[in-house]
Every structure is written in C-alpha cells, then in structure tokens.
C-alpha cells in the first residue's frame, strides 16, 4: 500500500534518545553532510561504513537511534545493524524534519 507508511517524527526520536540511558545517536550521512550541520550529541558513521559500527558501539544491546537526511538511508542502516545483532536500533527519520529548539 503506497503512501500509508507512518511518517517518523525525528523530534520525538531525539527526545527519546535524550531520555534513554547509554543510548547512541547515529548520523549515517556522509562526512560532508555531517559537517554542514548535525544534531547535538550525534556520532557520524556514514552508511557506506556501517559495518564499522562495532568499533564505535561495542555493546550490541545499546539503544541506537539512527537518522540521515530524509529517513531512507537510516532505514537501510537500521536493517544492517539489526543483521549485525543490534536489536535495539531504530530509525528516527530525517534531519530535514528536525527543528532546533529555540
């Protein structure tokens, strides 16, 4: 069914990250995109290097909140992370929908 996919609320995902003990906020955009702006406390691990996650997140039970530009790459990253044993990985969507608190 096209168009019925639930839209992710990145703001809610960031708040959940902030309230979750020992969680990691993972930005899977390129280094260049990350340098142009990112969510505070996030770690940059481009999707192309997602297999390197164990060098950054050694405990596979760690809650991992993943975002990218629109939510598509983060969905792919979460699927790969889960196949690597990161069962607590979740896609929180795209930074294009994030509005910084003022």
Protein backbone atom coordinates (compact mmCIF):
# COMPACT_ATOMS: atom_id res chain seq x y z
CA UNK A 1 0.00 0.00 0.00
CA UNK A 2 1.69 3.14 -1.20
CA UNK A 3 1.60 6.34 0.84
CA UNK A 4 0.42 4.63 4.01
CA UNK A 5 3.81 4.30 5.66
CA UNK A 6 3.82 6.04 9.02
CA UNK A 7 5.87 9.25 8.94
CA UNK A 8 8.65 9.22 11.51
CA UNK A 9 8.84 12.09 13.99
CA UNK A 10 12.54 12.82 14.39
CA UNK A 11 11.87 15.32 17.18
CA UNK A 12 10.20 12.59 19.23
CA UNK A 13 13.07 10.24 18.37
CA UNK A 14 15.66 12.73 19.59
CA UNK A 15 13.73 13.28 22.81
CA UNK A 16 13.56 9.52 23.35
CA UNK A 17 17.31 9.31 22.70
CA UNK A 18 17.93 12.03 25.29
CA UNK A 19 15.86 10.20 27.89
CA UNK A 20 17.38 6.76 27.25
CA UNK A 21 20.37 5.82 29.36
CA UNK A 22 23.57 4.91 27.46
CA UNK A 23 21.92 5.48 24.07
CA UNK A 24 23.78 6.44 20.90
CA UNK A 25 22.51 8.92 18.31
CA UNK A 26 23.93 7.84 14.95
CA UNK A 27 24.02 10.07 11.87
CA UNK A 28 24.57 7.92 8.76
CA UNK A 29 25.02 10.77 6.29
CA UNK A 30 28.36 11.48 4.63
CA UNK A 31 31.14 13.32 6.47
CA UNK A 32 30.46 16.34 4.30
CA UNK A 33 26.75 16.39 5.13
CA UNK A 34 27.53 15.96 8.83
CA UNK A 35 29.98 18.88 8.73
CA UNK A 36 27.24 21.11 7.30
CA UNK A 37 25.10 20.55 10.38
CA UNK A 38 24.02 17.75 12.66
CA UNK A 39 22.05 17.04 15.80
CA UNK A 40 23.96 17.69 19.00
CA UNK A 41 25.48 14.57 20.62
CA UNK A 42 25.28 12.56 17.39
CA UNK A 43 28.10 10.39 16.08
CA UNK A 44 28.77 10.30 12.36
CA UNK A 45 29.09 6.86 10.77
CA UNK A 46 28.26 7.05 7.07
CA UNK A 47 26.01 4.31 5.73
CA UNK A 48 28.84 3.13 3.48
CA UNK A 49 30.84 2.31 6.63
CA UNK A 50 28.04 0.89 8.80
CA UNK A 51 29.91 -2.42 9.12
CA UNK A 52 32.38 -0.49 11.30
CA UNK A 53 29.68 0.02 13.97
CA UNK A 54 31.28 -2.43 16.44
CA UNK A 55 34.36 -0.19 16.65
CA UNK A 56 32.10 2.65 17.84
CA UNK A 57 29.32 0.75 19.63
CA UNK A 58 30.85 -2.33 21.21
CA UNK A 59 27.77 -3.41 23.20
CA UNK A 60 25.19 -4.67 20.73
CA UNK A 61 22.43 -4.19 23.33
CA UNK A 62 22.99 -0.41 23.28
CA UNK A 63 19.93 1.58 22.20
CA UNK A 64 20.89 3.14 18.84
CA UNK A 65 18.82 5.96 17.35
CA UNK A 66 19.64 6.41 13.66
CA UNK A 67 18.93 9.35 11.36
CA UNK A 68 20.00 10.66 7.96
CA UNK A 69 18.73 13.40 5.65
CA UNK A 70 15.27 12.04 4.82
CA UNK A 71 14.98 8.70 6.64
CA UNK A 72 15.80 6.34 3.75
CA UNK A 73 19.49 5.74 4.49
CA UNK A 74 18.76 5.43 8.18
CA UNK A 75 16.22 2.69 7.42
CA UNK A 76 18.87 0.80 5.45
CA UNK A 77 21.38 1.35 8.27
CA UNK A 78 18.97 0.02 10.89
CA UNK A 79 18.34 -3.11 8.83
CA UNK A 80 22.08 -3.69 8.53
CA UNK A 81 22.65 -3.00 12.22
CA UNK A 82 19.93 -5.47 13.17
CA UNK A 83 21.52 -8.11 10.93
CA UNK A 84 24.73 -7.47 12.89
CA UNK A 85 22.94 -8.10 16.20
CA UNK A 86 21.99 -4.55 17.22
CA UNK A 87 18.41 -5.41 18.16
CA UNK A 88 17.81 -2.02 19.82
CA UNK A 89 18.47 0.05 16.69
CA UNK A 90 15.68 2.27 15.44
CA UNK A 91 15.19 4.67 12.57
CA UNK A 92 14.07 8.09 13.80
CA UNK A 93 13.86 9.69 10.36
CA UNK A 94 15.45 12.60 8.56
CA UNK A 95 17.15 15.73 9.80
CA UNK A 96 15.23 17.75 7.20
CA UNK A 97 12.23 17.42 9.54
CA UNK A 98 14.14 18.44 12.68
CA UNK A 99 13.68 21.93 14.02
CA UNK A 100 16.17 23.11 16.59
CA UNK A 101 14.64 24.25 19.84
CA UNK A 102 14.86 28.00 20.38
